[in-house]
Amino acid sequence: MMEQVRFLTTGDTSVSVEFGNAISEAINRDIRAYKIALEKAGIPGIVETVPTYRALMVHYNPGIIRSWALKEKLEALLGEMGDIEIPPSPVLEIPVLYGGEMGPDLAFVAEHAGLSQEEVIKIHSSTEYLIYMLGFTPGFTYLGGMSDSIATPRLQQPRVKIPAGSVGIAGSQTGIYPIDSPGGWQLIGRTPLKMYDPERETPILPEAGQYIQFFPVDQEEYDLILRAVEKGSYELKTHERKEV
């Protein structure tokens, strides 16, 4: 895979380090290992790194380091990736109230899949989803690993406003809307957690490279969690990833 790595100039202040042309956990591991190697290298002038499905975007200050010099250092780091140990990623436990007003498209997803709504919920909440990247809106999670058995096309007519916390399905992807926004995903539930809160010390709750597992709650549990979130007393639960 190292032979496929490309260093692309993507602007006056950024370089994209591309590790492949697919959505895969193997490529994601390379991106995470490279990001760690880059952080350890402490190259002057790097402002920020942003992981995506197949690349790591490196933003830099051209007043401190020129693009040609940065690319030389970035290429040299490839030889150090074999020594990088990627630390275990936590699995964030995200409570979801499925169906009803919170998940108006659950019935359609179930019908499309030829399953009951309960079966869709069980399948959707039984996976530890890798967070490949964040984007679209602050903290929107692009997750991998959803079962093809519940894959459902996007809405033909996107909604103008989707409430924050909505959990949706689009094709073979699932994700969480962190803020009120337009969108065309099939909505199957909603979490009371704030995936994005500008007033919080760490505004965006999830990080790329972590995992998410949804777990169903009823209305009473949803309301209890929501009140705790609003008071700032809710503690996000996590667990270690299951061995695969």
Protein backbone atom coordinates (compact mmCIF):
# COMPACT_ATOMS: atom_id res chain seq x y z
CA MET A 1 0.00 0.00 0.00
CA MET A 2 2.95 2.34 0.63
CA GLU A 3 3.65 2.35 -3.12
CA GLN A 4 0.29 4.03 -3.68
CA VAL A 5 0.95 7.00 -1.40
CA ARG A 6 0.70 10.34 -3.23
CA PHE A 7 1.60 13.81 -2.00
CA LEU A 8 -0.73 16.31 -3.67
CA THR A 9 -0.62 20.09 -3.43
CA THR A 10 -4.17 21.14 -2.57
CA GLY A 11 -3.67 24.87 -2.12
CA ASP A 12 -1.19 27.50 -1.00
CA THR A 13 -1.20 26.15 2.56
CA SER A 14 -2.07 22.45 2.37
CA VAL A 15 -0.83 19.09 1.14
CA SER A 16 -2.93 15.91 0.88
CA VAL A 17 -1.19 12.63 1.67
CA GLU A 18 -3.26 9.98 -0.12
CA PHE A 19 -2.97 6.33 0.94
CA GLY A 20 -5.36 4.71 -1.52
CA ASN A 21 -8.63 5.01 -3.36
CA ALA A 22 -11.07 3.02 -1.26
CA ILE A 23 -12.92 3.05 2.04
CA SER A 24 -11.17 0.41 4.11
CA GLU A 25 -9.97 -0.16 7.65
CA ALA A 26 -6.49 -1.01 6.31
CA ILE A 27 -6.16 2.42 4.69
CA ASN A 28 -7.59 4.01 7.82
CA ARG A 29 -4.92 2.31 9.93
CA ASP A 30 -2.22 3.72 7.63
CA ILE A 31 -3.70 7.21 7.97
CA ARG A 32 -3.84 6.95 11.76
CA ALA A 33 -0.28 5.60 11.98
CA TYR A 34 0.99 8.34 9.69
CA LYS A 35 -0.80 11.02 11.73
CA ILE A 36 0.90 9.73 14.90
CA ALA A 37 4.29 9.69 13.14
CA LEU A 38 3.73 13.25 11.95
CA GLU A 39 2.80 14.45 15.43
CA LYS A 40 5.91 12.80 16.90
CA ALA A 41 8.11 14.39 14.23
CA GLY A 42 7.18 17.90 15.38
CA ILE A 43 7.79 19.50 11.98
CA PRO A 44 7.77 23.30 12.39
CA GLY A 45 5.04 25.13 10.48
CA ILE A 46 2.33 22.46 10.53
CA VAL A 47 -0.93 24.05 11.63
CA GLU A 48 -3.43 21.19 11.55
CA THR A 49 -3.99 17.68 10.21
CA VAL A 50 -7.40 16.43 9.04
CA PRO A 51 -8.00 12.70 8.36
CA THR A 52 -10.44 11.71 5.61
CA TYR A 53 -11.56 8.37 4.15
CA ARG A 54 -8.37 7.84 2.17
CA ALA A 55 -5.99 10.69 3.00
CA LEU A 56 -4.52 12.98 5.62
CA MET A 57 -4.79 16.68 4.83
CA VAL A 58 -1.81 18.60 6.22
CA HIS A 59 -2.29 22.36 6.68
CA TYR A 60 0.91 24.37 7.09
CA ASN A 61 2.25 27.92 7.38
CA PRO A 62 4.26 28.74 4.21
CA GLY A 63 5.98 31.52 6.11
CA ILE A 64 7.66 28.87 8.25
CA ILE A 65 8.11 25.97 5.82
CA ARG A 66 7.91 25.87 2.04
CA SER A 67 5.84 23.24 0.26
CA TRP A 68 8.82 21.47 -1.34
CA ALA A 69 10.59 21.18 2.01
CA LEU A 70 7.43 19.95 3.71
CA LYS A 71 6.86 17.29 1.04
CA GLU A 72 10.42 16.01 1.53
CA LYS A 73 9.83 15.64 5.26
CA LEU A 74 6.42 14.04 4.72
CA GLU A 75 7.86 11.47 2.32
CA ALA A 76 10.64 10.63 4.76
CA LEU A 77 8.08 9.83 7.44
CA LEU A 78 6.75 6.87 5.45
CA GLY A 79 9.77 4.84 6.49
CA GLU A 80 8.90 5.33 10.17
CA MET A 81 5.33 4.05 10.02
CA GLY A 82 6.32 0.44 10.69
CA ASP A 83 7.46 1.43 14.19
CA ILE A 84 4.21 3.18 15.06
CA GLU A 85 1.87 1.48 17.53
CA ILE A 86 -1.71 2.68 17.21
CA PRO A 87 -3.31 2.92 20.66
CA PRO A 88 -6.67 1.17 21.22
CA SER A 89 -9.64 3.35 20.30
CA PRO A 90 -12.58 3.62 22.69
CA VAL A 91 -16.10 2.73 21.61
CA LEU A 92 -18.48 5.60 22.37
CA GLU A 93 -21.88 4.38 23.56
CA ILE A 94 -24.53 6.55 21.91
CA PRO A 95 -28.09 6.20 23.26
CA VAL A 96 -30.81 6.37 20.58
CA LEU A 97 -34.59 6.56 20.75
CA TYR A 98 -35.59 4.73 17.58
CA GLY A 99 -38.74 5.24 15.53
CA GLY A 100 -41.78 7.42 16.07
CA GLU A 101 -41.30 11.17 15.88
CA MET A 102 -37.57 10.72 16.45
CA GLY A 103 -37.15 8.25 13.58
CA PRO A 104 -39.86 8.97 11.01
CA ASP A 105 -38.20 6.82 8.31
CA LEU A 106 -37.67 3.67 10.37
CA ALA A 107 -40.78 2.04 8.92
CA PHE A 108 -39.61 2.73 5.36
CA VAL A 109 -36.12 1.34 6.08
CA ALA A 110 -37.72 -1.81 7.52
CA GLU A 111 -40.04 -2.19 4.54
CA HIS A 112 -37.19 -1.65 2.06
CA ALA A 113 -35.10 -4.28 3.86
CA GLY A 114 -37.97 -6.76 4.22
CA LEU A 115 -37.51 -6.73 8.00
CA SER A 116 -39.45 -5.68 11.05
CA GLN A 117 -38.62 -2.38 12.71
CA GLU A 118 -37.33 -4.31 15.74
CA GLU A 119 -34.96 -6.29 13.49
CA VAL A 120 -33.63 -3.08 11.92
CA ILE A 121 -32.96 -1.64 15.38
CA LYS A 122 -31.20 -4.82 16.49
CA ILE A 123 -28.97 -4.88 13.40
CA HIS A 124 -28.21 -1.17 13.56
CA SER A 125 -27.30 -1.24 17.25
CA SER A 126 -25.19 -4.42 17.16
CA THR A 127 -22.19 -2.96 15.31
CA GLU A 128 -19.13 -1.05 16.50
CA TYR A 129 -18.81 1.56 13.74
CA LEU A 130 -15.43 3.03 12.86
CA ILE A 131 -15.47 6.84 12.60
CA TYR A 132 -13.59 7.32 9.35
CA MET A 133 -13.91 11.09 9.26
CA LEU A 134 -15.87 14.12 10.40
CA GLY A 135 -17.34 16.63 8.00
CA PHE A 136 -20.32 18.22 6.21
CA THR A 137 -21.20 20.01 9.47
CA PRO A 138 -19.13 20.24 12.71
CA GLY A 139 -18.87 16.73 14.12
CA PHE A 140 -20.94 14.91 11.48
CA THR A 141 -19.77 11.31 11.72
CA TYR A 142 -19.02 9.25 8.61
CA LEU A 143 -19.17 5.70 9.93
CA GLY A 144 -18.11 2.43 8.38
CA GLY A 145 -19.32 -1.09 8.99
CA MET A 146 -23.09 -0.90 8.66
CA SER A 147 -24.76 -4.13 7.55
CA ASP A 148 -25.85 -4.13 3.91
CA SER A 149 -29.06 -5.80 5.07
CA ILE A 150 -30.43 -2.41 6.18
CA ALA A 151 -28.86 -0.25 3.44
CA THR A 152 -31.48 2.19 2.12
CA PRO A 153 -31.35 4.89 -0.58
CA ARG A 154 -31.38 8.55 0.36
CA LEU A 155 -34.62 10.51 0.32
CA GLN A 156 -35.63 11.63 -3.16
CA GLN A 157 -36.51 15.02 -1.67
CA PRO A 158 -34.11 16.15 1.09
CA ARG A 159 -35.53 17.73 4.22
CA VAL A 160 -34.93 21.44 4.76
CA LYS A 161 -34.25 20.99 8.47
CA ILE A 162 -33.20 17.87 10.36
CA PRO A 163 -33.01 18.14 14.17
CA ALA A 164 -29.62 17.85 15.87
CA GLY A 165 -28.96 14.34 17.16
CA SER A 166 -30.87 12.61 14.37
CA VAL A 167 -29.46 9.24 13.36
CA GLY A 168 -29.81 8.39 9.70
CA ILE A 169 -29.04 5.91 6.95
CA ALA A 170 -28.00 6.75 3.39
CA GLY A 171 -27.06 3.86 1.14
CA SER A 172 -24.71 1.66 3.15
CA GLN A 173 -23.70 4.46 5.52
CA THR A 174 -25.07 5.59 8.86
CA GLY A 175 -24.31 8.73 10.84
CA ILE A 176 -25.47 11.38 13.30
CA TYR A 177 -26.51 14.95 12.48
CA PRO A 178 -24.71 17.08 15.10
CA ILE A 179 -26.63 20.31 14.46
CA ASP A 180 -29.93 21.32 12.87
CA SER A 181 -29.29 21.20 9.13
CA PRO A 182 -30.73 20.17 5.77
CA GLY A 183 -30.20 16.57 4.76
CA GLY A 184 -31.41 13.65 2.72
CA TRP A 185 -30.68 10.67 4.94
CA GLN A 186 -33.39 8.28 6.14
CA LEU A 187 -33.99 9.16 9.81
CA ILE A 188 -34.38 6.14 12.10
CA GLY A 189 -33.85 7.66 15.54
CA ARG A 190 -32.34 10.43 17.63
CA THR A 191 -29.76 10.69 20.39
CA PRO A 192 -30.17 13.10 23.31
CA LEU A 193 -26.40 13.68 23.35
CA LYS A 194 -24.88 16.86 21.93
CA MET A 195 -22.42 15.71 19.31
CA TYR A 196 -21.41 19.35 18.86
CA ASP A 197 -21.54 22.02 21.55
CA PRO A 198 -19.59 25.27 20.95
CA GLU A 199 -19.78 26.06 24.67
CA ARG A 200 -18.07 22.80 25.65
CA GLU A 201 -14.32 22.65 26.32
CA THR A 202 -14.10 20.04 23.57
CA PRO A 203 -16.86 21.19 21.19
CA ILE A 204 -16.94 18.05 19.02
CA LEU A 205 -17.73 14.89 20.97
CA PRO A 206 -16.36 12.16 18.63
CA GLU A 207 -12.96 11.92 16.96
CA ALA A 208 -11.94 10.25 13.73
CA GLY A 209 -10.43 6.84 14.49
CA GLN A 210 -12.73 6.17 17.43
CA TYR A 211 -15.73 3.84 17.26
CA ILE A 212 -19.43 4.33 17.95
CA GLN A 213 -22.03 1.82 19.05
CA PHE A 214 -25.67 2.81 19.28
CA PHE A 215 -27.89 1.37 22.00
CA PRO A 216 -31.67 1.66 22.09
CA VAL A 217 -33.44 3.57 24.87
CA ASP A 218 -37.11 4.22 25.55
CA GLN A 219 -38.75 7.63 25.96
CA GLU A 220 -38.23 7.73 29.72
CA GLU A 221 -34.52 6.92 29.40
CA TYR A 222 -34.17 9.44 26.58
CA ASP A 223 -35.72 12.20 28.71
CA LEU A 224 -33.51 11.36 31.71
CA ILE A 225 -30.36 11.47 29.60
CA LEU A 226 -31.48 14.69 27.91
CA ARG A 227 -31.97 16.41 31.28
CA ALA A 228 -28.53 15.25 32.42
CA VAL A 229 -26.98 16.54 29.18
CA GLU A 230 -28.66 19.91 29.61
CA LYS A 231 -27.36 20.15 33.20
CA GLY A 232 -23.88 19.13 32.08
CA SER A 233 -23.87 16.12 34.38
CA TYR A 234 -24.07 13.33 31.80
CA GLU A 235 -20.93 11.22 31.52
CA LEU A 236 -20.39 9.60 28.16
CA LYS A 237 -20.05 5.85 28.51
CA THR A 238 -17.38 3.96 26.57
CA HIS A 239 -16.12 0.40 26.35
CA GLU A 240 -13.18 -1.44 24.84
CA ARG A 241 -13.63 -2.64 21.30
CA LYS A 242 -14.52 -6.28 20.84
CA GLU A 243 -11.80 -8.44 19.33
CA VAL A 244 -12.49 -9.27 15.68
